[in-house]
Amino acid sequence: MQTVDAVLNGLMRRYKERVPDVQAILDTMIRAGVIETADDIENDHIAFRTMGVPLLGIQSLEKIFTHFGYQREDYYHFSAKKLDAYWYSPPTADLPRIFISELRVRDLSYEAQAIIRTYTDEVTADPVLAIDLDDGAAVDRFLHSPLWRLPSRQDFLRLQEESEYAAWGIYNRYYLNHYTVSVHNLPDGYNTIADFNVFLKQNGFKLNSSGGEAKKSADGLLIQSSTVAEMITVPFADGDEHLISGSYVEFAERKVKPEYADLPLAKIGREMRRDGFEAANADKIFESTYSEQTNKRKI
């Protein structure tokens, strides 16, 4: 498992560098005595966004993680956002789940499709097939390397008008979209989304309010929240720099399944809690990078 650890560590290292909220939240939790070190946190899942075009998308990126023993699980469709997704269960309980979504490019307008294809057509073979998947450093480099040229500001803005997901993906490529704190493993007073959201807001963190700050599954056993994505200054093809939406931090509370409700907490294992994801929750979490939410950072 050293290879997958190297990949996950590389993803987290670069993610923290680009998303100051990550370290700020960890530091705030440490100061409050919620955790002693970042290692006390269980990473519930990490997520990627992809473009649904030939040679790319879910069918390409998933090869990395299935190589490491991850298993494809449930399928999700988001009709309004024109997205498909799967989640992947890890080979061992100490690893995070993986969530990979894909833009249904063919469902966009012809103009938007043409813009996207001017970039993605630069990829002429499935790029994952060219990687030595047993080389953790090589996989890490791939996940942080551009797949196509830097987009123009004009193309970015045109895509953003139709699909904020498309604009995010055309610029950020496979950059890690978010990682997720398992709040149910935190001490009393912080181990529910309701309590943890209060803690976050008291310390100045902006939360995604789409669908409510706490997004709850139909069975009530999966509750999620997230910060609003940070705005980052990036260069475009014309050389000018502009602010765009970066990545964010998610929080998940997985309640104990009813059949294990009478067991003492010390005997509750990960497999005894609600697993998988909820389409309605995820639909709203996607909007953590959307302008309606990121504009809150200007307030």
C-alpha atoms as a PDB file:
ATOM      1  CA  MET A   1       0.000   0.000   0.000  1.00  0.00           C
ATOM      2  CA  GLN A   2       3.039   2.301  -0.068  1.00  0.00           C
ATOM      3  CA  THR A   3       2.215   3.421  -3.607  1.00  0.00           C
ATOM      4  CA  VAL A   4      -1.335   4.527  -2.846  1.00  0.00           C
ATOM      5  CA  ASP A   5      -0.086   6.254   0.320  1.00  0.00           C
ATOM      6  CA  ALA A   6       2.438   8.173  -1.765  1.00  0.00           C
ATOM      7  CA  VAL A   7      -0.296   9.252  -4.169  1.00  0.00           C
ATOM      8  CA  LEU A   8      -2.691  10.314  -1.408  1.00  0.00           C
ATOM      9  CA  ASN A   9       0.061  12.136   0.491  1.00  0.00           C
ATOM     10  CA  GLY A  10       1.062  13.973  -2.674  1.00  0.00           C
ATOM     11  CA  LEU A  11      -2.531  15.000  -3.321  1.00  0.00           C
ATOM     12  CA  MET A  12      -2.968  16.278   0.227  1.00  0.00           C
ATOM     13  CA  ARG A  13       0.347  18.135   0.272  1.00  0.00           C
ATOM     14  CA  ARG A  14      -0.459  20.151  -2.843  1.00  0.00           C
ATOM     15  CA  TYR A  15      -4.095  20.572  -1.841  1.00  0.00           C
ATOM     16  CA  LYS A  16      -3.054  22.145   1.470  1.00  0.00           C
ATOM     17  CA  GLU A  17      -0.667  24.475  -0.334  1.00  0.00           C
ATOM     18  CA  ARG A  18      -3.459  25.736  -2.559  1.00  0.00           C
ATOM     19  CA  VAL A  19      -6.331  25.787  -0.044  1.00  0.00           C
ATOM     20  CA  PRO A  20      -5.346  27.773   3.066  1.00  0.00           C
ATOM     21  CA  ASP A  21      -8.679  26.869   4.704  1.00  0.00           C
ATOM     22  CA  VAL A  22      -7.357  23.332   5.227  1.00  0.00           C
ATOM     23  CA  GLN A  23      -4.497  24.326   7.510  1.00  0.00           C
ATOM     24  CA  ALA A  24      -6.550  27.111   9.067  1.00  0.00           C
ATOM     25  CA  ILE A  25      -9.275  24.645  10.073  1.00  0.00           C
ATOM     26  CA  LEU A  26      -6.707  22.173  11.408  1.00  0.00           C
ATOM     27  CA  ASP A  27      -4.959  24.897  13.411  1.00  0.00           C
ATOM     28  CA  THR A  28      -8.287  26.079  14.811  1.00  0.00           C
ATOM     29  CA  MET A  29      -9.199  22.535  15.851  1.00  0.00           C
ATOM     30  CA  ILE A  30      -5.831  22.078  17.538  1.00  0.00           C
ATOM     31  CA  ARG A  31      -6.108  25.388  19.429  1.00  0.00           C
ATOM     32  CA  ALA A  32      -9.580  24.397  20.622  1.00  0.00           C
ATOM     33  CA  GLY A  33      -8.319  20.997  21.808  1.00  0.00           C
ATOM     34  CA  VAL A  34     -10.545  19.108  19.376  1.00  0.00           C
ATOM     35  CA  ILE A  35      -7.530  17.246  17.988  1.00  0.00           C
ATOM     36  CA  GLU A  36      -3.853  17.101  18.879  1.00  0.00           C
ATOM     37  CA  THR A  37      -2.506  16.713  15.339  1.00  0.00           C
ATOM     38  CA  ALA A  38      -3.885  16.464  11.806  1.00  0.00           C
ATOM     39  CA  ASP A  39      -3.318  12.695  11.987  1.00  0.00           C
ATOM     40  CA  ASP A  40      -6.238  12.480  14.427  1.00  0.00           C
ATOM     41  CA  ILE A  41      -8.639  13.177  11.558  1.00  0.00           C
ATOM     42  CA  GLU A  42     -10.114  10.419   9.415  1.00  0.00           C
ATOM     43  CA  ASN A  43     -10.382  11.458   5.768  1.00  0.00           C
ATOM     44  CA  ASP A  44     -13.863  10.287   4.768  1.00  0.00           C
ATOM     45  CA  HIS A  45     -13.357  10.772   1.034  1.00  0.00           C
ATOM     46  CA  ILE A  46     -11.638  12.794  -1.651  1.00  0.00           C
ATOM     47  CA  ALA A  47     -13.215  13.926  -4.913  1.00  0.00           C
ATOM     48  CA  PHE A  48     -12.210  14.603  -8.497  1.00  0.00           C
ATOM     49  CA  ARG A  49     -13.970  16.305 -11.405  1.00  0.00           C
ATOM     50  CA  THR A  50     -13.461  15.116 -14.973  1.00  0.00           C
ATOM     51  CA  MET A  51     -14.534  15.854 -18.543  1.00  0.00           C
ATOM     52  CA  GLY A  52     -16.736  13.242 -20.201  1.00  0.00           C
ATOM     53  CA  VAL A  53     -15.017  13.019 -23.574  1.00  0.00           C
ATOM     54  CA  PRO A  54     -13.311  10.092 -25.334  1.00  0.00           C
ATOM     55  CA  LEU A  55      -9.992   9.067 -23.696  1.00  0.00           C
ATOM     56  CA  LEU A  56     -10.719  11.024 -20.521  1.00  0.00           C
ATOM     57  CA  GLY A  57     -13.441  11.156 -17.885  1.00  0.00           C
ATOM     58  CA  ILE A  58     -14.297   8.544 -15.290  1.00  0.00           C
ATOM     59  CA  GLN A  59     -13.245   5.564 -17.426  1.00  0.00           C
ATOM     60  CA  SER A  60      -9.700   6.937 -17.578  1.00  0.00           C
ATOM     61  CA  LEU A  61      -9.140   8.363 -14.094  1.00  0.00           C
ATOM     62  CA  GLU A  62     -10.705   5.428 -12.259  1.00  0.00           C
ATOM     63  CA  LYS A  63      -7.957   3.134 -13.596  1.00  0.00           C
ATOM     64  CA  ILE A  64      -5.532   4.696 -11.131  1.00  0.00           C
ATOM     65  CA  PHE A  65      -7.631   3.821  -8.120  1.00  0.00           C
ATOM     66  CA  THR A  66      -8.916   0.426  -9.239  1.00  0.00           C
ATOM     67  CA  HIS A  67      -5.248  -0.480  -9.747  1.00  0.00           C
ATOM     68  CA  PHE A  68      -4.776   0.162  -6.032  1.00  0.00           C
ATOM     69  CA  GLY A  69      -7.692  -2.105  -5.123  1.00  0.00           C
ATOM     70  CA  TYR A  70     -10.537   0.385  -5.017  1.00  0.00           C
ATOM     71  CA  GLN A  71     -13.920  -1.010  -6.085  1.00  0.00           C
ATOM     72  CA  ARG A  72     -16.447   0.923  -8.160  1.00  0.00           C
ATOM     73  CA  GLU A  73     -19.729   1.242  -6.270  1.00  0.00           C
ATOM     74  CA  ASP A  74     -22.943   3.231  -6.844  1.00  0.00           C
ATOM     75  CA  TYR A  75     -23.720   5.345  -9.885  1.00  0.00           C
ATOM     76  CA  TYR A  76     -25.217   8.831  -9.575  1.00  0.00           C
ATOM     77  CA  HIS A  77     -26.749  11.124 -12.182  1.00  0.00           C
ATOM     78  CA  PHE A  78     -27.240  14.862 -11.782  1.00  0.00           C
ATOM     79  CA  SER A  79     -29.524  15.905 -14.624  1.00  0.00           C
ATOM     80  CA  ALA A  80     -29.650  19.647 -13.967  1.00  0.00           C
ATOM     81  CA  LYS A  81     -25.873  19.915 -13.670  1.00  0.00           C
ATOM     82  CA  LYS A  82     -25.301  17.463 -16.547  1.00  0.00           C
ATOM     83  CA  LEU A  83     -23.056  15.207 -14.478  1.00  0.00           C
ATOM     84  CA  ASP A  84     -22.506  11.508 -13.845  1.00  0.00           C
ATOM     85  CA  ALA A  85     -20.541  10.070 -10.932  1.00  0.00           C
ATOM     86  CA  TYR A  86     -19.413   6.928  -9.152  1.00  0.00           C
ATOM     87  CA  TRP A  87     -17.914   6.360  -5.757  1.00  0.00           C
ATOM     88  CA  TYR A  88     -15.172   3.835  -5.006  1.00  0.00           C
ATOM     89  CA  SER A  89     -14.699   1.866  -1.808  1.00  0.00           C
ATOM     90  CA  PRO A  90     -11.128   1.501  -0.557  1.00  0.00           C
ATOM     91  CA  PRO A  91      -9.296  -1.819  -0.169  1.00  0.00           C
ATOM     92  CA  THR A  92      -8.684  -1.120   3.525  1.00  0.00           C
ATOM     93  CA  ALA A  93     -10.644   0.915   6.072  1.00  0.00           C
ATOM     94  CA  ASP A  94      -7.768   3.302   6.760  1.00  0.00           C
ATOM     95  CA  LEU A  95      -7.991   4.770   3.247  1.00  0.00           C
ATOM     96  CA  PRO A  96     -10.512   7.390   2.093  1.00  0.00           C
ATOM     97  CA  ARG A  97     -13.369   6.673  -0.255  1.00  0.00           C
ATOM     98  CA  ILE A  98     -13.030   8.164  -3.744  1.00  0.00           C
ATOM     99  CA  PHE A  99     -15.761  10.132  -5.539  1.00  0.00           C
ATOM    100  CA  ILE A 100     -15.278  10.820  -9.265  1.00  0.00           C
ATOM    101  CA  SER A 101     -17.729  12.924 -11.249  1.00  0.00           C
ATOM    102  CA  GLU A 102     -17.845  13.594 -14.982  1.00  0.00           C
ATOM    103  CA  LEU A 103     -19.329  16.381 -17.061  1.00  0.00           C
ATOM    104  CA  ARG A 104     -21.710  15.098 -19.747  1.00  0.00           C
ATOM    105  CA  VAL A 105     -20.098  17.287 -22.402  1.00  0.00           C
ATOM    106  CA  ARG A 106     -22.455  16.041 -25.117  1.00  0.00           C
ATOM    107  CA  ASP A 107     -25.386  17.536 -23.176  1.00  0.00           C
ATOM    108  CA  LEU A 108     -24.009  21.079 -23.371  1.00  0.00           C
ATOM    109  CA  SER A 109     -24.634  23.549 -26.183  1.00  0.00           C
ATOM    110  CA  TYR A 110     -22.674  23.041 -29.396  1.00  0.00           C
ATOM    111  CA  GLU A 111     -20.672  26.166 -28.629  1.00  0.00           C
ATOM    112  CA  ALA A 112     -19.671  24.944 -25.176  1.00  0.00           C
ATOM    113  CA  GLN A 113     -18.828  21.490 -26.534  1.00  0.00           C
ATOM    114  CA  ALA A 114     -16.634  23.047 -29.207  1.00  0.00           C
ATOM    115  CA  ILE A 115     -14.756  25.136 -26.650  1.00  0.00           C
ATOM    116  CA  ILE A 116     -14.109  22.117 -24.446  1.00  0.00           C
ATOM    117  CA  ARG A 117     -13.006  19.949 -27.356  1.00  0.00           C
ATOM    118  CA  THR A 118     -10.453  22.530 -28.532  1.00  0.00           C
ATOM    119  CA  TYR A 119      -8.644  21.725 -25.287  1.00  0.00           C
ATOM    120  CA  THR A 120      -9.420  18.075 -24.642  1.00  0.00           C
ATOM    121  CA  ASP A 121      -8.677  17.097 -28.264  1.00  0.00           C
ATOM    122  CA  GLU A 122      -5.035  17.749 -27.419  1.00  0.00           C
ATOM    123  CA  VAL A 123      -5.222  14.432 -25.548  1.00  0.00           C
ATOM    124  CA  THR A 124      -4.776  11.765 -28.249  1.00  0.00           C
ATOM    125  CA  ALA A 125      -4.527   8.652 -26.042  1.00  0.00           C
ATOM    126  CA  ASP A 126      -5.788   7.661 -22.612  1.00  0.00           C
ATOM    127  CA  PRO A 127      -3.101   9.382 -20.505  1.00  0.00           C
ATOM    128  CA  VAL A 128      -3.396   6.942 -17.601  1.00  0.00           C
ATOM    129  CA  LEU A 129      -2.200   4.100 -19.835  1.00  0.00           C
ATOM    130  CA  ALA A 130       1.164   5.850 -20.165  1.00  0.00           C
ATOM    131  CA  ILE A 131       1.807   5.910 -16.395  1.00  0.00           C
ATOM    132  CA  ASP A 132       3.597   3.300 -14.335  1.00  0.00           C
ATOM    133  CA  LEU A 133       0.856   2.923 -11.744  1.00  0.00           C
ATOM    134  CA  ASP A 134       3.264   1.205  -9.370  1.00  0.00           C
ATOM    135  CA  ASP A 135       5.339   4.390  -9.246  1.00  0.00           C
ATOM    136  CA  GLY A 136       3.655   6.637  -6.676  1.00  0.00           C
ATOM    137  CA  ALA A 137       5.739   9.668  -7.627  1.00  0.00           C
ATOM    138  CA  ALA A 138       4.798   9.256 -11.304  1.00  0.00           C
ATOM    139  CA  VAL A 139       1.093   9.065 -10.467  1.00  0.00           C
ATOM    140  CA  ASP A 140       1.418  12.113  -8.219  1.00  0.00           C
ATOM    141  CA  ARG A 141       3.105  14.085 -11.010  1.00  0.00           C
ATOM    142  CA  PHE A 142       0.394  13.080 -13.463  1.00  0.00           C
ATOM    143  CA  LEU A 143      -2.415  14.241 -11.176  1.00  0.00           C
ATOM    144  CA  HIS A 144      -0.741  17.643 -10.901  1.00  0.00           C
ATOM    145  CA  SER A 145       0.271  18.075 -14.547  1.00  0.00           C
ATOM    146  CA  PRO A 146      -1.797  19.885 -17.191  1.00  0.00           C
ATOM    147  CA  LEU A 147      -3.566  17.694 -19.728  1.00  0.00           C
ATOM    148  CA  TRP A 148      -4.092  20.554 -22.182  1.00  0.00           C
ATOM    149  CA  ARG A 149      -2.968  24.120 -22.720  1.00  0.00           C
ATOM    150  CA  LEU A 150      -3.893  26.960 -20.399  1.00  0.00           C
ATOM    151  CA  PRO A 151      -7.389  28.194 -21.273  1.00  0.00           C
ATOM    152  CA  SER A 152      -8.159  31.711 -22.387  1.00  0.00           C
ATOM    153  CA  ARG A 153     -10.123  33.971 -20.099  1.00  0.00           C
ATOM    154  CA  GLN A 154     -12.782  34.333 -22.804  1.00  0.00           C
ATOM    155  CA  ASP A 155     -13.309  30.556 -23.059  1.00  0.00           C
ATOM    156  CA  PHE A 156     -13.385  30.210 -19.285  1.00  0.00           C
ATOM    157  CA  LEU A 157     -16.073  32.871 -18.914  1.00  0.00           C
ATOM    158  CA  ARG A 158     -18.178  31.469 -21.756  1.00  0.00           C
ATOM    159  CA  LEU A 159     -18.149  28.017 -20.170  1.00  0.00           C
ATOM    160  CA  GLN A 160     -18.924  29.504 -16.785  1.00  0.00           C
ATOM    161  CA  GLU A 161     -22.115  31.047 -18.178  1.00  0.00           C
ATOM    162  CA  GLU A 162     -23.423  27.596 -19.058  1.00  0.00           C
ATOM    163  CA  SER A 163     -21.727  25.285 -16.554  1.00  0.00           C
ATOM    164  CA  GLU A 164     -19.627  26.422 -13.626  1.00  0.00           C
ATOM    165  CA  TYR A 165     -18.462  22.813 -13.320  1.00  0.00           C
ATOM    166  CA  ALA A 166     -17.169  22.974 -16.919  1.00  0.00           C
ATOM    167  CA  ALA A 167     -15.246  26.181 -16.271  1.00  0.00           C
ATOM    168  CA  TRP A 168     -13.738  24.765 -13.077  1.00  0.00           C
ATOM    169  CA  GLY A 169     -12.694  21.579 -14.844  1.00  0.00           C
ATOM    170  CA  ILE A 170     -11.221  23.213 -17.944  1.00  0.00           C
ATOM    171  CA  TYR A 171      -8.860  25.198 -15.739  1.00  0.00           C
ATOM    172  CA  ASN A 172      -8.173  22.877 -12.797  1.00  0.00           C
ATOM    173  CA  ARG A 173      -8.108  19.530 -14.672  1.00  0.00           C
ATOM    174  CA  TYR A 174      -7.574  16.692 -12.162  1.00  0.00           C
ATOM    175  CA  TYR A 175      -6.719  18.953  -9.247  1.00  0.00           C
ATOM    176  CA  LEU A 176      -8.136  17.587  -5.985  1.00  0.00           C
ATOM    177  CA  ASN A 177     -11.579  19.131  -5.544  1.00  0.00           C
ATOM    178  CA  HIS A 178     -11.919  18.486  -1.808  1.00  0.00           C
ATOM    179  CA  TYR A 179     -11.119  16.244   1.095  1.00  0.00           C
ATOM    180  CA  THR A 180     -13.526  15.429   3.893  1.00  0.00           C
ATOM    181  CA  VAL A 181     -13.269  15.480   7.680  1.00  0.00           C
ATOM    182  CA  SER A 182     -15.164  12.627   9.380  1.00  0.00           C
ATOM    183  CA  VAL A 183     -16.770  14.621  12.191  1.00  0.00           C
ATOM    184  CA  HIS A 184     -18.408  11.595  13.831  1.00  0.00           C
ATOM    185  CA  ASN A 185     -14.952  10.555  15.064  1.00  0.00           C
ATOM    186  CA  LEU A 186     -14.327  13.859  16.841  1.00  0.00           C
ATOM    187  CA  PRO A 187     -14.916  14.435  20.600  1.00  0.00           C
ATOM    188  CA  ASP A 188     -18.354  15.184  22.049  1.00  0.00           C
ATOM    189  CA  GLY A 189     -19.474  18.685  21.244  1.00  0.00           C
ATOM    190  CA  TYR A 190     -17.877  18.533  17.805  1.00  0.00           C
ATOM    191  CA  ASN A 191     -18.955  15.123  16.514  1.00  0.00           C
ATOM    192  CA  THR A 192     -22.144  16.145  14.720  1.00  0.00           C
ATOM    193  CA  ILE A 193     -22.485  18.347  11.656  1.00  0.00           C
ATOM    194  CA  ALA A 194     -24.808  20.640  13.625  1.00  0.00           C
ATOM    195  CA  ASP A 195     -22.188  21.248  16.342  1.00  0.00           C
ATOM    196  CA  PHE A 196     -19.238  21.368  13.972  1.00  0.00           C
ATOM    197  CA  ASN A 197     -20.920  23.888  11.692  1.00  0.00           C
ATOM    198  CA  VAL A 198     -21.423  26.168  14.692  1.00  0.00           C
ATOM    199  CA  PHE A 199     -17.741  25.775  15.571  1.00  0.00           C
ATOM    200  CA  LEU A 200     -16.684  26.623  12.013  1.00  0.00           C
ATOM    201  CA  LYS A 201     -18.870  29.712  11.790  1.00  0.00           C
ATOM    202  CA  GLN A 202     -17.763  30.948  15.210  1.00  0.00           C
ATOM    203  CA  ASN A 203     -14.225  30.860  13.871  1.00  0.00           C
ATOM    204  CA  GLY A 204     -15.019  32.782  10.716  1.00  0.00           C
ATOM    205  CA  PHE A 205     -15.286  30.031   8.098  1.00  0.00           C
ATOM    206  CA  LYS A 206     -17.869  30.488   5.336  1.00  0.00           C
ATOM    207  CA  LEU A 207     -20.187  27.536   4.696  1.00  0.00           C
ATOM    208  CA  ASN A 208     -21.989  26.470   1.535  1.00  0.00           C
ATOM    209  CA  SER A 209     -25.650  27.287   2.180  1.00  0.00           C
ATOM    210  CA  SER A 210     -27.109  25.695  -0.966  1.00  0.00           C
ATOM    211  CA  GLY A 211     -29.811  23.324   0.230  1.00  0.00           C
ATOM    212  CA  GLY A 212     -29.074  24.441   3.791  1.00  0.00           C
ATOM    213  CA  GLU A 213     -25.740  24.394   5.581  1.00  0.00           C
ATOM    214  CA  ALA A 214     -26.365  20.784   6.663  1.00  0.00           C
ATOM    215  CA  LYS A 215     -27.309  18.465   3.789  1.00  0.00           C
ATOM    216  CA  LYS A 216     -29.082  15.327   5.044  1.00  0.00           C
ATOM    217  CA  SER A 217     -29.739  12.044   3.227  1.00  0.00           C
ATOM    218  CA  ALA A 218     -33.277  10.691   2.934  1.00  0.00           C
ATOM    219  CA  ASP A 219     -32.546   8.054   5.585  1.00  0.00           C
ATOM    220  CA  GLY A 220     -31.080  10.678   7.928  1.00  0.00           C
ATOM    221  CA  LEU A 221     -27.853   8.708   8.335  1.00  0.00           C
ATOM    222  CA  LEU A 222     -25.499  10.840   6.203  1.00  0.00           C
ATOM    223  CA  ILE A 223     -25.164  14.547   6.945  1.00  0.00           C
ATOM    224  CA  GLN A 224     -22.674  16.739   5.099  1.00  0.00           C
ATOM    225  CA  SER A 225     -21.506  20.323   4.958  1.00  0.00           C
ATOM    226  CA  SER A 226     -18.659  22.183   3.289  1.00  0.00           C
ATOM    227  CA  THR A 227     -16.790  25.429   3.222  1.00  0.00           C
ATOM    228  CA  VAL A 228     -17.156  27.798   0.321  1.00  0.00           C
ATOM    229  CA  ALA A 229     -14.287  27.297  -2.121  1.00  0.00           C
ATOM    230  CA  GLU A 230     -11.404  29.710  -1.827  1.00  0.00           C
ATOM    231  CA  MET A 231     -10.770  32.161  -4.632  1.00  0.00           C
ATOM    232  CA  ILE A 232      -7.291  31.896  -6.132  1.00  0.00           C
ATOM    233  CA  THR A 233      -5.397  34.178  -8.499  1.00  0.00           C
ATOM    234  CA  VAL A 234      -4.351  32.313 -11.633  1.00  0.00           C
ATOM    235  CA  PRO A 235      -2.869  33.179 -15.033  1.00  0.00           C
ATOM    236  CA  PHE A 236      -4.772  32.731 -18.268  1.00  0.00           C
ATOM    237  CA  ALA A 237      -3.453  32.173 -21.771  1.00  0.00           C
ATOM    238  CA  ASP A 238      -3.384  35.907 -22.514  1.00  0.00           C
ATOM    239  CA  GLY A 239      -0.999  36.436 -19.599  1.00  0.00           C
ATOM    240  CA  ASP A 240      -3.460  38.302 -17.401  1.00  0.00           C
ATOM    241  CA  GLU A 241      -4.230  37.023 -13.897  1.00  0.00           C
ATOM    242  CA  HIS A 242      -7.753  36.696 -12.499  1.00  0.00           C
ATOM    243  CA  LEU A 243      -9.552  35.212  -9.523  1.00  0.00           C
ATOM    244  CA  ILE A 244     -11.268  31.862 -10.015  1.00  0.00           C
ATOM    245  CA  SER A 245     -12.813  29.331  -7.677  1.00  0.00           C
ATOM    246  CA  GLY A 246     -10.356  26.839  -6.214  1.00  0.00           C
ATOM    247  CA  SER A 247     -11.084  23.922  -3.877  1.00  0.00           C
ATOM    248  CA  TYR A 248     -12.842  23.546  -0.546  1.00  0.00           C
ATOM    249  CA  VAL A 249     -13.135  21.366   2.576  1.00  0.00           C
ATOM    250  CA  GLU A 250     -16.049  19.038   3.246  1.00  0.00           C
ATOM    251  CA  PHE A 251     -17.328  17.531   6.497  1.00  0.00           C
ATOM    252  CA  ALA A 252     -19.303  14.310   6.869  1.00  0.00           C
ATOM    253  CA  GLU A 253     -21.239  12.724   9.710  1.00  0.00           C
ATOM    254  CA  ARG A 254     -22.022   9.064   9.125  1.00  0.00           C
ATOM    255  CA  LYS A 255     -24.465   7.805  11.699  1.00  0.00           C
ATOM    256  CA  VAL A 256     -24.516   4.254  13.023  1.00  0.00           C
ATOM    257  CA  LYS A 257     -26.769   1.873  11.090  1.00  0.00           C
ATOM    258  CA  PRO A 258     -29.939   0.942  13.028  1.00  0.00           C
ATOM    259  CA  GLU A 259     -28.882  -2.676  13.490  1.00  0.00           C
ATOM    260  CA  TYR A 260     -25.794  -1.553  15.438  1.00  0.00           C
ATOM    261  CA  ALA A 261     -27.411   1.273  17.406  1.00  0.00           C
ATOM    262  CA  ASP A 262     -27.278  -0.600  20.721  1.00  0.00           C
ATOM    263  CA  LEU A 263     -23.537  -1.282  20.596  1.00  0.00           C
ATOM    264  CA  PRO A 264     -21.190   0.839  22.732  1.00  0.00           C
ATOM    265  CA  LEU A 265     -19.374   3.508  20.731  1.00  0.00           C
ATOM    266  CA  ALA A 266     -16.004   1.847  21.328  1.00  0.00           C
ATOM    267  CA  LYS A 267     -17.186  -1.196  19.362  1.00  0.00           C
ATOM    268  CA  ILE A 268     -18.523   0.731  16.370  1.00  0.00           C
ATOM    269  CA  GLY A 269     -16.372   0.103  13.309  1.00  0.00           C
ATOM    270  CA  ARG A 270     -16.425   1.996  10.041  1.00  0.00           C
ATOM    271  CA  GLU A 271     -18.479  -0.729   8.382  1.00  0.00           C
ATOM    272  CA  MET A 272     -21.223  -0.216  10.970  1.00  0.00           C
ATOM    273  CA  ARG A 273     -21.882   3.333   9.854  1.00  0.00           C
ATOM    274  CA  ARG A 274     -23.841   4.556   6.862  1.00  0.00           C
ATOM    275  CA  ASP A 275     -21.689   4.073   3.768  1.00  0.00           C
ATOM    276  CA  GLY A 276     -21.838   5.457   0.253  1.00  0.00           C
ATOM    277  CA  PHE A 277     -23.192   8.829  -0.787  1.00  0.00           C
ATOM    278  CA  GLU A 278     -26.472  10.635  -1.399  1.00  0.00           C
ATOM    279  CA  ALA A 279     -27.197  12.262  -4.765  1.00  0.00           C
ATOM    280  CA  ALA A 280     -29.249  15.092  -3.251  1.00  0.00           C
ATOM    281  CA  ASN A 281     -26.440  15.966  -0.837  1.00  0.00           C
ATOM    282  CA  ALA A 282     -23.750  15.788  -3.507  1.00  0.00           C
ATOM    283  CA  ASP A 283     -25.800  17.939  -5.868  1.00  0.00           C
ATOM    284  CA  LYS A 284     -25.614  20.828  -3.393  1.00  0.00           C
ATOM    285  CA  ILE A 285     -22.019  20.159  -2.329  1.00  0.00           C
ATOM    286  CA  PHE A 286     -20.935  20.649  -5.964  1.00  0.00           C
ATOM    287  CA  GLU A 287     -22.019  24.262  -5.604  1.00  0.00           C
ATOM    288  CA  SER A 288     -19.235  24.970  -3.111  1.00  0.00           C
ATOM    289  CA  THR A 289     -17.249  26.201  -6.129  1.00  0.00           C
ATOM    290  CA  TYR A 290     -20.139  28.098  -7.756  1.00  0.00           C
ATOM    291  CA  SER A 291     -20.203  31.892  -7.804  1.00  0.00           C
ATOM    292  CA  GLU A 292     -23.419  32.168  -5.781  1.00  0.00           C
ATOM    293  CA  GLN A 293     -21.485  30.619  -2.903  1.00  0.00           C
ATOM    294  CA  THR A 294     -17.971  31.972  -3.525  1.00  0.00           C
ATOM    295  CA  ASN A 295     -19.310  35.527  -3.634  1.00  0.00           C
ATOM    296  CA  LYS A 296     -19.783  35.159   0.137  1.00  0.00           C
ATOM    297  CA  ARG A 297     -16.025  35.536   0.496  1.00  0.00           C
ATOM    298  CA  LYS A 298     -16.393  39.129  -0.664  1.00  0.00           C
ATOM    299  CA  ILE A 299     -18.752  39.961   2.186  1.00  0.00           C
END
